[in-house]
Amino acid sequence: MPRAVGEAQQLTDQASAKVTEALNSGGWDGKPHAQKAKTLLEQASKELGLAATNS
């Protein structure tokens, strides 16, 4: 696996975890957008994983 792809996957996983923290904190109106961002980050992580296994 190219190192950069693995690093990118780790960063998307970390970002997803931070968004989860934000979603659980409550008290703000950005939840629908944050949930969409979390979904997209999870999708990006899966795609990066596929890219890594196919390289």
PDB file of N, CA and C in Angstrom:
ATOM      1  N   MET A   1       0.845  -1.174   0.000  1.00  0.00           N
ATOM      2  CA  MET A   1       0.000   0.000   0.000  1.00  0.00           C
ATOM      3  C   MET A   1       0.890   1.237   0.000  1.00  0.00           C
ATOM      4  N   PRO A   2       0.620   2.160  -0.893  1.00  0.00           N
ATOM      5  CA  PRO A   2       1.373   3.407  -0.851  1.00  0.00           C
ATOM      6  C   PRO A   2       1.177   4.090   0.503  1.00  0.00           C
ATOM      7  N   ARG A   3       2.264   4.574   1.039  1.00  0.00           N
ATOM      8  CA  ARG A   3       2.236   5.179   2.370  1.00  0.00           C
ATOM      9  C   ARG A   3       1.231   6.331   2.459  1.00  0.00           C
ATOM     10  N   ALA A   4       1.174   7.160   1.431  1.00  0.00           N
ATOM     11  CA  ALA A   4       0.282   8.312   1.460  1.00  0.00           C
ATOM     12  C   ALA A   4      -1.185   7.898   1.545  1.00  0.00           C
ATOM     13  N   VAL A   5      -1.537   6.799   0.901  1.00  0.00           N
ATOM     14  CA  VAL A   5      -2.926   6.331   0.951  1.00  0.00           C
ATOM     15  C   VAL A   5      -3.275   5.873   2.367  1.00  0.00           C
ATOM     16  N   GLY A   6      -2.381   5.145   2.985  1.00  0.00           N
ATOM     17  CA  GLY A   6      -2.603   4.707   4.364  1.00  0.00           C
ATOM     18  C   GLY A   6      -2.715   5.880   5.318  1.00  0.00           C
ATOM     19  N   GLU A   7      -1.861   6.875   5.128  1.00  0.00           N
ATOM     20  CA  GLU A   7      -1.912   8.070   5.976  1.00  0.00           C
ATOM     21  C   GLU A   7      -3.212   8.830   5.758  1.00  0.00           C
ATOM     22  N   ALA A   8      -3.645   8.926   4.512  1.00  0.00           N
ATOM     23  CA  ALA A   8      -4.899   9.614   4.212  1.00  0.00           C
ATOM     24  C   ALA A   8      -6.075   8.891   4.872  1.00  0.00           C
ATOM     25  N   GLN A   9      -6.048   7.570   4.857  1.00  0.00           N
ATOM     26  CA  GLN A   9      -7.117   6.809   5.489  1.00  0.00           C
ATOM     27  C   GLN A   9      -7.128   7.057   7.001  1.00  0.00           C
ATOM     28  N   GLN A  10      -5.968   7.091   7.610  1.00  0.00           N
ATOM     29  CA  GLN A  10      -5.890   7.373   9.048  1.00  0.00           C
ATOM     30  C   GLN A  10      -6.446   8.756   9.366  1.00  0.00           C
ATOM     31  N   LEU A  11      -6.120   9.733   8.533  1.00  0.00           N
ATOM     32  CA  LEU A  11      -6.599  11.093   8.774  1.00  0.00           C
ATOM     33  C   LEU A  11      -8.109  11.200   8.613  1.00  0.00           C
ATOM     34  N   THR A  12      -8.676  10.501   7.634  1.00  0.00           N
ATOM     35  CA  THR A  12     -10.128  10.544   7.488  1.00  0.00           C
ATOM     36  C   THR A  12     -10.799   9.867   8.677  1.00  0.00           C
ATOM     37  N   ASP A  13     -10.194   8.798   9.189  1.00  0.00           N
ATOM     38  CA  ASP A  13     -10.742   8.134  10.378  1.00  0.00           C
ATOM     39  C   ASP A  13     -10.684   9.059  11.600  1.00  0.00           C
ATOM     40  N   GLN A  14      -9.580   9.792  11.734  1.00  0.00           N
ATOM     41  CA  GLN A  14      -9.448  10.731  12.847  1.00  0.00           C
ATOM     42  C   GLN A  14     -10.468  11.862  12.725  1.00  0.00           C
ATOM     43  N   ALA A  15     -10.650  12.361  11.519  1.00  0.00           N
ATOM     44  CA  ALA A  15     -11.621  13.432  11.300  1.00  0.00           C
ATOM     45  C   ALA A  15     -13.032  12.947  11.612  1.00  0.00           C
ATOM     46  N   SER A  16     -13.345  11.733  11.205  1.00  0.00           N
ATOM     47  CA  SER A  16     -14.660  11.166  11.493  1.00  0.00           C
ATOM     48  C   SER A  16     -14.889  11.058  12.995  1.00  0.00           C
ATOM     49  N   ALA A  17     -13.867  10.660  13.721  1.00  0.00           N
ATOM     50  CA  ALA A  17     -13.977  10.561  15.184  1.00  0.00           C
ATOM     51  C   ALA A  17     -14.227  11.923  15.816  1.00  0.00           C
ATOM     52  N   LYS A  18     -13.575  12.955  15.296  1.00  0.00           N
ATOM     53  CA  LYS A  18     -13.773  14.312  15.826  1.00  0.00           C
ATOM     54  C   LYS A  18     -15.188  14.803  15.532  1.00  0.00           C
ATOM     55  N   VAL A  19     -15.700  14.481  14.357  1.00  0.00           N
ATOM     56  CA  VAL A  19     -17.069  14.870  14.026  1.00  0.00           C
ATOM     57  C   VAL A  19     -18.042  14.152  14.959  1.00  0.00           C
ATOM     58  N   THR A  20     -17.769  12.899  15.259  1.00  0.00           N
ATOM     59  CA  THR A  20     -18.612  12.159  16.201  1.00  0.00           C
ATOM     60  C   THR A  20     -18.620  12.841  17.561  1.00  0.00           C
ATOM     61  N   GLU A  21     -17.455  13.278  18.017  1.00  0.00           N
ATOM     62  CA  GLU A  21     -17.382  14.023  19.281  1.00  0.00           C
ATOM     63  C   GLU A  21     -18.254  15.264  19.222  1.00  0.00           C
ATOM     64  N   ALA A  22     -18.175  15.985  18.118  1.00  0.00           N
ATOM     65  CA  ALA A  22     -18.964  17.204  17.967  1.00  0.00           C
ATOM     66  C   ALA A  22     -20.461  16.889  17.968  1.00  0.00           C
ATOM     67  N   LEU A  23     -20.836  15.821  17.272  1.00  0.00           N
ATOM     68  CA  LEU A  23     -22.250  15.432  17.238  1.00  0.00           C
ATOM     69  C   LEU A  23     -22.766  15.070  18.622  1.00  0.00           C
ATOM     70  N   ASN A  24     -21.927  14.455  19.423  1.00  0.00           N
ATOM     71  CA  ASN A  24     -22.338  14.040  20.769  1.00  0.00           C
ATOM     72  C   ASN A  24     -22.335  15.183  21.780  1.00  0.00           C
ATOM     73  N   SER A  25     -21.668  16.292  21.430  1.00  0.00           N
ATOM     74  CA  SER A  25     -21.581  17.397  22.382  1.00  0.00           C
ATOM     75  C   SER A  25     -22.878  18.185  22.463  1.00  0.00           C
ATOM     76  N   GLY A  26     -23.626  18.248  21.369  1.00  0.00           N
ATOM     77  CA  GLY A  26     -24.913  18.944  21.382  1.00  0.00           C
ATOM     78  C   GLY A  26     -24.774  20.442  21.525  1.00  0.00           C
ATOM     79  N   GLY A  27     -25.903  21.098  21.540  1.00  0.00           N
ATOM     80  CA  GLY A  27     -25.927  22.536  21.786  1.00  0.00           C
ATOM     81  C   GLY A  27     -25.598  23.411  20.590  1.00  0.00           C
ATOM     82  N   TRP A  28     -25.732  22.893  19.378  1.00  0.00           N
ATOM     83  CA  TRP A  28     -25.482  23.722  18.201  1.00  0.00           C
ATOM     84  C   TRP A  28     -26.352  23.234  17.053  1.00  0.00           C
ATOM     85  N   ASP A  29     -26.514  24.079  16.029  1.00  0.00           N
ATOM     86  CA  ASP A  29     -27.460  23.794  14.951  1.00  0.00           C
ATOM     87  C   ASP A  29     -26.843  23.133  13.724  1.00  0.00           C
ATOM     88  N   GLY A  30     -25.579  22.785  13.761  1.00  0.00           N
ATOM     89  CA  GLY A  30     -24.916  22.238  12.587  1.00  0.00           C
ATOM     90  C   GLY A  30     -24.976  20.735  12.451  1.00  0.00           C
ATOM     91  N   LYS A  31     -25.786  20.072  13.249  1.00  0.00           N
ATOM     92  CA  LYS A  31     -25.799  18.611  13.252  1.00  0.00           C
ATOM     93  C   LYS A  31     -26.103  17.980  11.898  1.00  0.00           C
ATOM     94  N   PRO A  32     -27.083  18.456  11.133  1.00  0.00           N
ATOM     95  CA  PRO A  32     -27.330  17.795   9.839  1.00  0.00           C
ATOM     96  C   PRO A  32     -26.112  17.851   8.914  1.00  0.00           C
ATOM     97  N   HIS A  33     -25.425  18.965   8.920  1.00  0.00           N
ATOM     98  CA  HIS A  33     -24.242  19.115   8.074  1.00  0.00           C
ATOM     99  C   HIS A  33     -23.096  18.252   8.603  1.00  0.00           C
ATOM    100  N   ALA A  34     -22.957  18.201   9.903  1.00  0.00           N
ATOM    101  CA  ALA A  34     -21.903  17.381  10.499  1.00  0.00           C
ATOM    102  C   ALA A  34     -22.150  15.902  10.239  1.00  0.00           C
ATOM    103  N   GLN A  35     -23.400  15.477  10.296  1.00  0.00           N
ATOM    104  CA  GLN A  35     -23.714  14.075  10.023  1.00  0.00           C
ATOM    105  C   GLN A  35     -23.399  13.728   8.571  1.00  0.00           C
ATOM    106  N   LYS A  36     -23.720  14.648   7.662  1.00  0.00           N
ATOM    107  CA  LYS A  36     -23.399  14.413   6.249  1.00  0.00           C
ATOM    108  C   LYS A  36     -21.883  14.334   6.064  1.00  0.00           C
ATOM    109  N   ALA A  37     -21.145  15.212   6.716  1.00  0.00           N
ATOM    110  CA  ALA A  37     -19.687  15.190   6.625  1.00  0.00           C
ATOM    111  C   ALA A  37     -19.136  13.874   7.165  1.00  0.00           C
ATOM    112  N   LYS A  38     -19.693  13.391   8.270  1.00  0.00           N
ATOM    113  CA  LYS A  38     -19.242  12.122   8.854  1.00  0.00           C
ATOM    114  C   LYS A  38     -19.482  10.971   7.881  1.00  0.00           C
ATOM    115  N   THR A  39     -20.639  10.966   7.253  1.00  0.00           N
ATOM    116  CA  THR A  39     -20.951   9.930   6.275  1.00  0.00           C
ATOM    117  C   THR A  39     -19.963   9.968   5.110  1.00  0.00           C
ATOM    118  N   LEU A  40     -19.662  11.159   4.631  1.00  0.00           N
ATOM    119  CA  LEU A  40     -18.718  11.295   3.521  1.00  0.00           C
ATOM    120  C   LEU A  40     -17.301  10.890   3.930  1.00  0.00           C
ATOM    121  N   LEU A  41     -16.904  11.215   5.150  1.00  0.00           N
ATOM    122  CA  LEU A  41     -15.589  10.801   5.639  1.00  0.00           C
ATOM    123  C   LEU A  41     -15.498   9.284   5.748  1.00  0.00           C
ATOM    124  N   GLU A  42     -16.562   8.657   6.210  1.00  0.00           N
ATOM    125  CA  GLU A  42     -16.576   7.190   6.300  1.00  0.00           C
ATOM    126  C   GLU A  42     -16.487   6.569   4.912  1.00  0.00           C
ATOM    127  N   GLN A  43     -17.191   7.166   3.954  1.00  0.00           N
ATOM    128  CA  GLN A  43     -17.127   6.667   2.581  1.00  0.00           C
ATOM    129  C   GLN A  43     -15.718   6.846   2.013  1.00  0.00           C
ATOM    130  N   ALA A  44     -15.108   7.999   2.277  1.00  0.00           N
ATOM    131  CA  ALA A  44     -13.747   8.241   1.798  1.00  0.00           C
ATOM    132  C   ALA A  44     -12.772   7.246   2.395  1.00  0.00           C
ATOM    133  N   SER A  45     -12.927   6.926   3.658  1.00  0.00           N
ATOM    134  CA  SER A  45     -12.048   5.961   4.308  1.00  0.00           C
ATOM    135  C   SER A  45     -12.173   4.593   3.653  1.00  0.00           C
ATOM    136  N   LYS A  46     -13.400   4.179   3.365  1.00  0.00           N
ATOM    137  CA  LYS A  46     -13.614   2.886   2.704  1.00  0.00           C
ATOM    138  C   LYS A  46     -12.972   2.872   1.320  1.00  0.00           C
ATOM    139  N   GLU A  47     -13.137   3.958   0.575  1.00  0.00           N
ATOM    140  CA  GLU A  47     -12.555   4.040  -0.766  1.00  0.00           C
ATOM    141  C   GLU A  47     -11.029   4.008  -0.716  1.00  0.00           C
ATOM    142  N   LEU A  48     -10.462   4.682   0.269  1.00  0.00           N
ATOM    143  CA  LEU A  48      -9.003   4.664   0.434  1.00  0.00           C
ATOM    144  C   LEU A  48      -8.525   3.260   0.779  1.00  0.00           C
ATOM    145  N   GLY A  49      -9.292   2.564   1.588  1.00  0.00           N
ATOM    146  CA  GLY A  49      -8.953   1.183   1.913  1.00  0.00           C
ATOM    147  C   GLY A  49      -8.971   0.301   0.676  1.00  0.00           C
ATOM    148  N   LEU A  50      -9.993   0.490  -0.166  1.00  0.00           N
ATOM    149  CA  LEU A  50     -10.056  -0.263  -1.428  1.00  0.00           C
ATOM    150  C   LEU A  50      -8.892   0.084  -2.334  1.00  0.00           C
ATOM    151  N   ALA A  51      -8.549   1.353  -2.394  1.00  0.00           N
ATOM    152  CA  ALA A  51      -7.423   1.778  -3.227  1.00  0.00           C
ATOM    153  C   ALA A  51      -6.124   1.130  -2.744  1.00  0.00           C
ATOM    154  N   ALA A  52      -5.988   1.037  -1.442  1.00  0.00           N
ATOM    155  CA  ALA A  52      -4.777   0.457  -0.872  1.00  0.00           C
ATOM    156  C   ALA A  52      -4.667  -1.042  -1.202  1.00  0.00           C
ATOM    157  N   THR A  53      -5.799  -1.742  -1.166  1.00  0.00           N
ATOM    158  CA  THR A  53      -5.738  -3.178  -1.428  1.00  0.00           C
ATOM    159  C   THR A  53      -5.610  -3.490  -2.917  1.00  0.00           C
ATOM    160  N   ASN A  54      -5.969  -2.547  -3.758  1.00  0.00           N
ATOM    161  CA  ASN A  54      -5.879  -2.756  -5.197  1.00  0.00           C
ATOM    162  C   ASN A  54      -4.577  -2.251  -5.797  1.00  0.00           C
ATOM    163  N   SER A  55      -3.712  -1.687  -4.967  1.00  0.00           N
ATOM    164  CA  SER A  55      -2.458  -1.161  -5.521  1.00  0.00           C
ATOM    165  C   SER A  55      -1.310  -2.131  -5.371  1.00  0.00           C
TER     166      SER A  55
END
